[in-house]
PDB file of N, CA and C in Angstrom:
ATOM      1  N   MET A   1       0.841  -1.168   0.000  1.00  0.00           N
ATOM      2  CA  MET A   1       0.000   0.000   0.000  1.00  0.00           C
ATOM      3  C   MET A   1       0.888   1.233   0.000  1.00  0.00           C
ATOM      4  N   SER A   2       0.593   2.151  -0.859  1.00  0.00           N
ATOM      5  CA  SER A   2       1.386   3.358  -1.004  1.00  0.00           C
ATOM      6  C   SER A   2       0.827   4.472  -0.123  1.00  0.00           C
ATOM      7  N   THR A   3       1.721   5.307   0.391  1.00  0.00           N
ATOM      8  CA  THR A   3       1.279   6.447   1.202  1.00  0.00           C
ATOM      9  C   THR A   3       1.184   7.723   0.375  1.00  0.00           C
ATOM     10  N   LEU A   4       1.523   7.627  -0.899  1.00  0.00           N
ATOM     11  CA  LEU A   4       1.441   8.798  -1.767  1.00  0.00           C
ATOM     12  C   LEU A   4      -0.014   9.105  -2.102  1.00  0.00           C
ATOM     13  N   LEU A   5      -0.351  10.374  -2.030  1.00  0.00           N
ATOM     14  CA  LEU A   5      -1.696  10.793  -2.392  1.00  0.00           C
ATOM     15  C   LEU A   5      -1.744  11.087  -3.890  1.00  0.00           C
ATOM     16  N   PRO A   6      -2.818  10.682  -4.549  1.00  0.00           N
ATOM     17  CA  PRO A   6      -2.907  10.983  -5.976  1.00  0.00           C
ATOM     18  C   PRO A   6      -3.042  12.492  -6.196  1.00  0.00           C
ATOM     19  N   VAL A   7      -2.430  12.977  -7.237  1.00  0.00           N
ATOM     20  CA  VAL A   7      -2.484  14.394  -7.571  1.00  0.00           C
ATOM     21  C   VAL A   7      -3.844  14.679  -8.207  1.00  0.00           C
ATOM     22  N   PRO A   8      -4.609  15.619  -7.649  1.00  0.00           N
ATOM     23  CA  PRO A   8      -5.916  15.908  -8.241  1.00  0.00           C
ATOM     24  C   PRO A   8      -5.765  16.556  -9.614  1.00  0.00           C
ATOM     25  N   LYS A   9      -6.685  16.219 -10.507  1.00  0.00           N
ATOM     26  CA  LYS A   9      -6.650  16.796 -11.846  1.00  0.00           C
ATOM     27  C   LYS A   9      -7.078  18.252 -11.783  1.00  0.00           C
ATOM     28  N   ARG A  10      -6.375  19.105 -12.507  1.00  0.00           N
ATOM     29  CA  ARG A  10      -6.691  20.529 -12.525  1.00  0.00           C
ATOM     30  C   ARG A  10      -7.686  20.792 -13.645  1.00  0.00           C
ATOM     31  N   ARG A  11      -8.789  21.441 -13.288  1.00  0.00           N
ATOM     32  CA  ARG A  11      -9.808  21.786 -14.271  1.00  0.00           C
ATOM     33  C   ARG A  11     -10.079  23.274 -14.196  1.00  0.00           C
ATOM     34  N   ALA A  12     -10.563  23.813 -15.305  1.00  0.00           N
ATOM     35  CA  ALA A  12     -10.953  25.220 -15.317  1.00  0.00           C
ATOM     36  C   ALA A  12     -12.182  25.402 -14.440  1.00  0.00           C
ATOM     37  N   ARG A  13     -12.219  26.496 -13.699  1.00  0.00           N
ATOM     38  CA  ARG A  13     -13.360  26.770 -12.839  1.00  0.00           C
ATOM     39  C   ARG A  13     -14.470  27.392 -13.657  1.00  0.00           C
ATOM     40  N   VAL A  14     -15.692  26.998 -13.367  1.00  0.00           N
ATOM     41  CA  VAL A  14     -16.859  27.490 -14.088  1.00  0.00           C
ATOM     42  C   VAL A  14     -16.980  29.001 -13.940  1.00  0.00           C
ATOM     43  N   VAL A  15     -16.723  29.507 -12.750  1.00  0.00           N
ATOM     44  CA  VAL A  15     -16.851  30.939 -12.491  1.00  0.00           C
ATOM     45  C   VAL A  15     -15.907  31.735 -13.382  1.00  0.00           C
ATOM     46  N   THR A  16     -14.689  31.272 -13.535  1.00  0.00           N
ATOM     47  CA  THR A  16     -13.713  31.964 -14.362  1.00  0.00           C
ATOM     48  C   THR A  16     -14.159  32.009 -15.818  1.00  0.00           C
ATOM     49  N   ILE A  17     -14.664  30.910 -16.321  1.00  0.00           N
ATOM     50  CA  ILE A  17     -15.117  30.851 -17.705  1.00  0.00           C
ATOM     51  C   ILE A  17     -16.319  31.758 -17.923  1.00  0.00           C
ATOM     52  N   VAL A  18     -17.277  31.749 -16.998  1.00  0.00           N
ATOM     53  CA  VAL A  18     -18.487  32.557 -17.153  1.00  0.00           C
ATOM     54  C   VAL A  18     -18.149  34.040 -17.120  1.00  0.00           C
ATOM     55  N   TRP A  19     -17.352  34.476 -16.148  1.00  0.00           N
ATOM     56  CA  TRP A  19     -17.036  35.899 -16.074  1.00  0.00           C
ATOM     57  C   TRP A  19     -16.153  36.337 -17.235  1.00  0.00           C
ATOM     58  N   GLY A  20     -15.302  35.469 -17.723  1.00  0.00           N
ATOM     59  CA  GLY A  20     -14.529  35.788 -18.929  1.00  0.00           C
ATOM     60  C   GLY A  20     -15.436  35.984 -20.131  1.00  0.00           C
ATOM     61  N   ALA A  21     -16.455  35.152 -20.250  1.00  0.00           N
ATOM     62  CA  ALA A  21     -17.412  35.297 -21.348  1.00  0.00           C
ATOM     63  C   ALA A  21     -18.207  36.592 -21.215  1.00  0.00           C
ATOM     64  N   VAL A  22     -18.559  36.979 -19.988  1.00  0.00           N
ATOM     65  CA  VAL A  22     -19.280  38.240 -19.773  1.00  0.00           C
ATOM     66  C   VAL A  22     -18.424  39.427 -20.195  1.00  0.00           C
ATOM     67  N   ILE A  23     -17.182  39.421 -19.793  1.00  0.00           N
ATOM     68  CA  ILE A  23     -16.283  40.521 -20.155  1.00  0.00           C
ATOM     69  C   ILE A  23     -16.118  40.606 -21.664  1.00  0.00           C
ATOM     70  N   LEU A  24     -15.963  39.461 -22.321  1.00  0.00           N
ATOM     71  CA  LEU A  24     -15.851  39.468 -23.780  1.00  0.00           C
ATOM     72  C   LEU A  24     -17.130  39.963 -24.449  1.00  0.00           C
ATOM     73  N   ALA A  25     -18.288  39.604 -23.903  1.00  0.00           N
ATOM     74  CA  ALA A  25     -19.562  40.056 -24.469  1.00  0.00           C
ATOM     75  C   ALA A  25     -19.708  41.571 -24.356  1.00  0.00           C
ATOM     76  N   VAL A  26     -19.382  42.117 -23.184  1.00  0.00           N
ATOM     77  CA  VAL A  26     -19.472  43.563 -22.993  1.00  0.00           C
ATOM     78  C   VAL A  26     -18.495  44.284 -23.907  1.00  0.00           C
ATOM     79  N   ALA A  27     -17.274  43.779 -23.987  1.00  0.00           N
ATOM     80  CA  ALA A  27     -16.280  44.398 -24.864  1.00  0.00           C
ATOM     81  C   ALA A  27     -16.722  44.329 -26.326  1.00  0.00           C
ATOM     82  N   GLY A  28     -17.318  43.227 -26.726  1.00  0.00           N
ATOM     83  CA  GLY A  28     -17.808  43.096 -28.098  1.00  0.00           C
ATOM     84  C   GLY A  28     -18.938  44.065 -28.399  1.00  0.00           C
ATOM     85  N   LEU A  29     -19.849  44.257 -27.431  1.00  0.00           N
ATOM     86  CA  LEU A  29     -20.928  45.231 -27.624  1.00  0.00           C
ATOM     87  C   LEU A  29     -20.395  46.655 -27.730  1.00  0.00           C
ATOM     88  N   ILE A  30     -19.447  46.996 -26.895  1.00  0.00           N
ATOM     89  CA  ILE A  30     -18.858  48.337 -26.957  1.00  0.00           C
ATOM     90  C   ILE A  30     -18.136  48.555 -28.283  1.00  0.00           C
ATOM     91  N   LEU A  31     -17.392  47.557 -28.709  1.00  0.00           N
ATOM     92  CA  LEU A  31     -16.665  47.661 -29.976  1.00  0.00           C
ATOM     93  C   LEU A  31     -17.623  47.748 -31.155  1.00  0.00           C
ATOM     94  N   ALA A  32     -18.681  46.941 -31.137  1.00  0.00           N
ATOM     95  CA  ALA A  32     -19.666  46.990 -32.216  1.00  0.00           C
ATOM     96  C   ALA A  32     -20.377  48.340 -32.234  1.00  0.00           C
ATOM     97  N   GLY A  33     -20.626  48.911 -31.062  1.00  0.00           N
ATOM     98  CA  GLY A  33     -21.252  50.225 -30.986  1.00  0.00           C
ATOM     99  C   GLY A  33     -20.385  51.321 -31.563  1.00  0.00           C
ATOM    100  N   GLN A  34     -19.071  51.144 -31.544  1.00  0.00           N
ATOM    101  CA  GLN A  34     -18.164  52.135 -32.117  1.00  0.00           C
ATOM    102  C   GLN A  34     -18.111  52.073 -33.640  1.00  0.00           C
ATOM    103  N   PHE A  35     -18.240  50.879 -34.195  1.00  0.00           N
ATOM    104  CA  PHE A  35     -18.113  50.721 -35.642  1.00  0.00           C
ATOM    105  C   PHE A  35     -19.444  50.800 -36.378  1.00  0.00           C
ATOM    106  N   PHE A  36     -20.519  50.450 -35.734  1.00  0.00           N
ATOM    107  CA  PHE A  36     -21.833  50.442 -36.362  1.00  0.00           C
ATOM    108  C   PHE A  36     -22.755  51.389 -35.603  1.00  0.00           C
ATOM    109  N   ALA A  37     -23.816  51.779 -36.239  1.00  0.00           N
ATOM    110  CA  ALA A  37     -24.778  52.688 -35.606  1.00  0.00           C
ATOM    111  C   ALA A  37     -25.711  51.880 -34.705  1.00  0.00           C
ATOM    112  N   LEU A  38     -25.183  51.440 -33.587  1.00  0.00           N
ATOM    113  CA  LEU A  38     -25.978  50.673 -32.636  1.00  0.00           C
ATOM    114  C   LEU A  38     -26.377  51.562 -31.462  1.00  0.00           C
ATOM    115  N   SER A  39     -27.628  51.484 -31.103  1.00  0.00           N
ATOM    116  CA  SER A  39     -28.100  52.170 -29.916  1.00  0.00           C
ATOM    117  C   SER A  39     -28.330  51.099 -28.852  1.00  0.00           C
ATOM    118  N   ILE A  40     -27.451  51.067 -27.858  1.00  0.00           N
ATOM    119  CA  ILE A  40     -27.496  50.018 -26.847  1.00  0.00           C
ATOM    120  C   ILE A  40     -28.015  50.611 -25.545  1.00  0.00           C
ATOM    121  N   ASP A  41     -29.097  50.047 -25.019  1.00  0.00           N
ATOM    122  CA  ASP A  41     -29.641  50.465 -23.730  1.00  0.00           C
ATOM    123  C   ASP A  41     -28.878  49.722 -22.632  1.00  0.00           C
ATOM    124  N   PRO A  42     -28.130  50.437 -21.802  1.00  0.00           N
ATOM    125  CA  PRO A  42     -27.302  49.770 -20.788  1.00  0.00           C
ATOM    126  C   PRO A  42     -28.116  48.958 -19.773  1.00  0.00           C
ATOM    127  N   VAL A  43     -29.329  49.381 -19.470  1.00  0.00           N
ATOM    128  CA  VAL A  43     -30.140  48.647 -18.504  1.00  0.00           C
ATOM    129  C   VAL A  43     -30.548  47.290 -19.065  1.00  0.00           C
ATOM    130  N   VAL A  44     -30.949  47.255 -20.331  1.00  0.00           N
ATOM    131  CA  VAL A  44     -31.345  45.994 -20.961  1.00  0.00           C
ATOM    132  C   VAL A  44     -30.134  45.070 -21.102  1.00  0.00           C
ATOM    133  N   VAL A  45     -28.988  45.630 -21.462  1.00  0.00           N
ATOM    134  CA  VAL A  45     -27.768  44.827 -21.579  1.00  0.00           C
ATOM    135  C   VAL A  45     -27.376  44.256 -20.219  1.00  0.00           C
ATOM    136  N   ALA A  46     -27.428  45.075 -19.162  1.00  0.00           N
ATOM    137  CA  ALA A  46     -27.071  44.601 -17.827  1.00  0.00           C
ATOM    138  C   ALA A  46     -28.042  43.513 -17.360  1.00  0.00           C
ATOM    139  N   LEU A  47     -29.336  43.697 -17.634  1.00  0.00           N
ATOM    140  CA  LEU A  47     -30.316  42.691 -17.240  1.00  0.00           C
ATOM    141  C   LEU A  47     -30.082  41.374 -17.975  1.00  0.00           C
ATOM    142  N   GLY A  48     -29.838  41.452 -19.268  1.00  0.00           N
ATOM    143  CA  GLY A  48     -29.561  40.244 -20.050  1.00  0.00           C
ATOM    144  C   GLY A  48     -28.304  39.540 -19.583  1.00  0.00           C
ATOM    145  N   LEU A  49     -27.259  40.319 -19.276  1.00  0.00           N
ATOM    146  CA  LEU A  49     -26.014  39.711 -18.788  1.00  0.00           C
ATOM    147  C   LEU A  49     -26.207  39.066 -17.421  1.00  0.00           C
ATOM    148  N   LEU A  50     -26.962  39.708 -16.537  1.00  0.00           N
ATOM    149  CA  LEU A  50     -27.197  39.115 -15.218  1.00  0.00           C
ATOM    150  C   LEU A  50     -27.976  37.810 -15.321  1.00  0.00           C
ATOM    151  N   ILE A  51     -28.973  37.784 -16.169  1.00  0.00           N
ATOM    152  CA  ILE A  51     -29.739  36.546 -16.359  1.00  0.00           C
ATOM    153  C   ILE A  51     -28.850  35.458 -16.950  1.00  0.00           C
ATOM    154  N   GLY A  52     -28.071  35.820 -17.962  1.00  0.00           N
ATOM    155  CA  GLY A  52     -27.172  34.843 -18.589  1.00  0.00           C
ATOM    156  C   GLY A  52     -26.114  34.317 -17.634  1.00  0.00           C
ATOM    157  N   VAL A  53     -25.524  35.209 -16.847  1.00  0.00           N
ATOM    158  CA  VAL A  53     -24.501  34.798 -15.884  1.00  0.00           C
ATOM    159  C   VAL A  53     -25.111  33.901 -14.814  1.00  0.00           C
ATOM    160  N   GLY A  54     -26.273  34.280 -14.317  1.00  0.00           N
ATOM    161  CA  GLY A  54     -26.929  33.466 -13.286  1.00  0.00           C
ATOM    162  C   GLY A  54     -27.237  32.067 -13.785  1.00  0.00           C
ATOM    163  N   LEU A  55     -27.810  31.976 -14.970  1.00  0.00           N
ATOM    164  CA  LEU A  55     -28.114  30.655 -15.534  1.00  0.00           C
ATOM    165  C   LEU A  55     -26.850  29.841 -15.781  1.00  0.00           C
ATOM    166  N   SER A  56     -25.815  30.491 -16.296  1.00  0.00           N
ATOM    167  CA  SER A  56     -24.560  29.786 -16.574  1.00  0.00           C
ATOM    168  C   SER A  56     -23.921  29.256 -15.300  1.00  0.00           C
ATOM    169  N   LEU A  57     -23.936  30.066 -14.242  1.00  0.00           N
ATOM    170  CA  LEU A  57     -23.334  29.618 -12.990  1.00  0.00           C
ATOM    171  C   LEU A  57     -24.120  28.475 -12.357  1.00  0.00           C
ATOM    172  N   VAL A  58     -25.439  28.558 -12.413  1.00  0.00           N
ATOM    173  CA  VAL A  58     -26.244  27.472 -11.848  1.00  0.00           C
ATOM    174  C   VAL A  58     -26.038  26.184 -12.637  1.00  0.00           C
ATOM    175  N   LEU A  59     -26.110  26.266 -13.960  1.00  0.00           N
ATOM    176  CA  LEU A  59     -25.905  25.070 -14.788  1.00  0.00           C
ATOM    177  C   LEU A  59     -24.496  24.506 -14.629  1.00  0.00           C
ATOM    178  N   GLY A  60     -23.502  25.383 -14.603  1.00  0.00           N
ATOM    179  CA  GLY A  60     -22.120  24.919 -14.405  1.00  0.00           C
ATOM    180  C   GLY A  60     -21.925  24.254 -13.064  1.00  0.00           C
ATOM    181  N   GLY A  61     -22.542  24.801 -12.023  1.00  0.00           N
ATOM    182  CA  GLY A  61     -22.443  24.187 -10.700  1.00  0.00           C
ATOM    183  C   GLY A  61     -23.094  22.820 -10.645  1.00  0.00           C
ATOM    184  N   VAL A  62     -24.262  22.688 -11.287  1.00  0.00           N
ATOM    185  CA  VAL A  62     -24.951  21.395 -11.308  1.00  0.00           C
ATOM    186  C   VAL A  62     -24.135  20.379 -12.087  1.00  0.00           C
ATOM    187  N   LEU A  63     -23.608  20.777 -13.239  1.00  0.00           N
ATOM    188  CA  LEU A  63     -22.796  19.849 -14.034  1.00  0.00           C
ATOM    189  C   LEU A  63     -21.507  19.475 -13.312  1.00  0.00           C
ATOM    190  N   SER A  64     -20.896  20.431 -12.638  1.00  0.00           N
ATOM    191  CA  SER A  64     -19.675  20.149 -11.884  1.00  0.00           C
ATOM    192  C   SER A  64     -19.956  19.203 -10.727  1.00  0.00           C
ATOM    193  N   LEU A  65     -21.073  19.409 -10.040  1.00  0.00           N
ATOM    194  CA  LEU A  65     -21.446  18.528  -8.932  1.00  0.00           C
ATOM    195  C   LEU A  65     -21.716  17.123  -9.433  1.00  0.00           C
ATOM    196  N   ARG A  66     -22.395  17.002 -10.559  1.00  0.00           N
ATOM    197  CA  ARG A  66     -22.689  15.687 -11.123  1.00  0.00           C
ATOM    198  C   ARG A  66     -21.413  14.966 -11.540  1.00  0.00           C
ATOM    199  N   THR A  67     -20.473  15.703 -12.129  1.00  0.00           N
ATOM    200  CA  THR A  67     -19.196  15.105 -12.535  1.00  0.00           C
ATOM    201  C   THR A  67     -18.382  14.699 -11.314  1.00  0.00           C
ATOM    202  N   ARG A  68     -18.383  15.548 -10.299  1.00  0.00           N
ATOM    203  CA  ARG A  68     -17.616  15.268  -9.089  1.00  0.00           C
ATOM    204  C   ARG A  68     -18.162  14.046  -8.362  1.00  0.00           C
ATOM    205  N   GLN A  69     -19.489  13.888  -8.313  1.00  0.00           N
ATOM    206  CA  GLN A  69     -20.078  12.731  -7.646  1.00  0.00           C
ATOM    207  C   GLN A  69     -19.728  11.443  -8.367  1.00  0.00           C
ATOM    208  N   SER A  70     -19.750  11.452  -9.686  1.00  0.00           N
ATOM    209  CA  SER A  70     -19.416  10.233 -10.419  1.00  0.00           C
ATOM    210  C   SER A  70     -17.937   9.901 -10.277  1.00  0.00           C
ATOM    211  N   ALA A  71     -17.072  10.919 -10.172  1.00  0.00           N
ATOM    212  CA  ALA A  71     -15.650  10.669  -9.961  1.00  0.00           C
ATOM    213  C   ALA A  71     -15.415  10.089  -8.574  1.00  0.00           C
ATOM    214  N   ASP A  72     -16.155  10.575  -7.566  1.00  0.00           N
ATOM    215  CA  ASP A  72     -16.024  10.032  -6.219  1.00  0.00           C
ATOM    216  C   ASP A  72     -16.501   8.589  -6.165  1.00  0.00           C
ATOM    217  N   ASP A  73     -17.557   8.275  -6.904  1.00  0.00           N
ATOM    218  CA  ASP A  73     -18.048   6.903  -6.948  1.00  0.00           C
ATOM    219  C   ASP A  73     -17.009   5.978  -7.557  1.00  0.00           C
ATOM    220  N   ASP A  74     -16.300   6.453  -8.597  1.00  0.00           N
ATOM    221  CA  ASP A  74     -15.263   5.642  -9.230  1.00  0.00           C
ATOM    222  C   ASP A  74     -14.108   5.394  -8.270  1.00  0.00           C
ATOM    223  N   GLU A  75     -13.731   6.417  -7.481  1.00  0.00           N
ATOM    224  CA  GLU A  75     -12.629   6.256  -6.543  1.00  0.00           C
ATOM    225  C   GLU A  75     -12.979   5.248  -5.464  1.00  0.00           C
ATOM    226  N   GLN A  76     -14.206   5.233  -5.017  1.00  0.00           N
ATOM    227  CA  GLN A  76     -14.611   4.300  -3.992  1.00  0.00           C
ATOM    228  C   GLN A  76     -14.596   2.876  -4.519  1.00  0.00           C
ATOM    229  N   SER A  77     -14.960   2.665  -5.753  1.00  0.00           N
ATOM    230  CA  SER A  77     -14.952   1.317  -6.315  1.00  0.00           C
ATOM    231  C   SER A  77     -13.537   0.843  -6.596  1.00  0.00           C
ATOM    232  N   ASP A  78     -12.576   1.788  -6.787  1.00  0.00           N
ATOM    233  CA  ASP A  78     -11.203   1.404  -7.048  1.00  0.00           C
ATOM    234  C   ASP A  78     -10.471   0.943  -5.792  1.00  0.00           C
ATOM    235  N   ASP A  79     -11.007   1.261  -4.610  1.00  0.00           N
ATOM    236  CA  ASP A  79     -10.342   0.886  -3.361  1.00  0.00           C
ATOM    237  C   ASP A  79     -10.297  -0.633  -3.168  1.00  0.00           C
ATOM    238  N   SER A  80     -11.242  -1.342  -3.727  1.00  0.00           N
ATOM    239  CA  SER A  80     -11.274  -2.785  -3.530  1.00  0.00           C
ATOM    240  C   SER A  80     -10.271  -3.512  -4.424  1.00  0.00           C
ATOM    241  N   VAL A  81      -9.788  -2.852  -5.461  1.00  0.00           N
ATOM    242  CA  VAL A  81      -8.840  -3.463  -6.385  1.00  0.00           C
ATOM    243  C   VAL A  81      -7.451  -2.873  -6.119  1.00  0.00           C
ATOM    244  N   PRO A  82      -6.462  -3.714  -5.842  1.00  0.00           N
ATOM    245  CA  PRO A  82      -5.115  -3.164  -5.600  1.00  0.00           C
ATOM    246  C   PRO A  82      -4.532  -2.579  -6.885  1.00  0.00           C
ATOM    247  N   ALA A  83      -3.858  -1.451  -6.726  1.00  0.00           N
ATOM    248  CA  ALA A  83      -3.264  -0.785  -7.871  1.00  0.00           C
ATOM    249  C   ALA A  83      -1.905  -1.411  -8.203  1.00  0.00           C
ATOM    250  N   ALA A  84      -1.626  -1.566  -9.488  1.00  0.00           N
ATOM    251  CA  ALA A  84      -0.346  -2.104  -9.928  1.00  0.00           C
ATOM    252  C   ALA A  84       0.517  -0.950 -10.434  1.00  0.00           C
ATOM    253  N   TYR A  85       1.630  -0.692  -9.748  1.00  0.00           N
ATOM    254  CA  TYR A  85       2.520   0.404 -10.155  1.00  0.00           C
ATOM    255  C   TYR A  85       3.810  -0.144 -10.689  1.00  0.00           C
TER     256      TYR A  85
END
């Protein structure tokens, strides 16, 4: 039996991806407003972004939880089988 702990896999955090997408969306709207004759209502844009961010974070959290639970189930089933190194 080994005393070494397995190195956890590094994954991108959902929060980082969602807020990066929000920043890119806002920057794209500002840039498009400079090149084209767009009239952008900031209140409607902020409301749409808040709804989108909220939905993305909730869905990402649910998917992350579901993935994490299945990974934990796999680790528990691996304990009964000795590892060959």
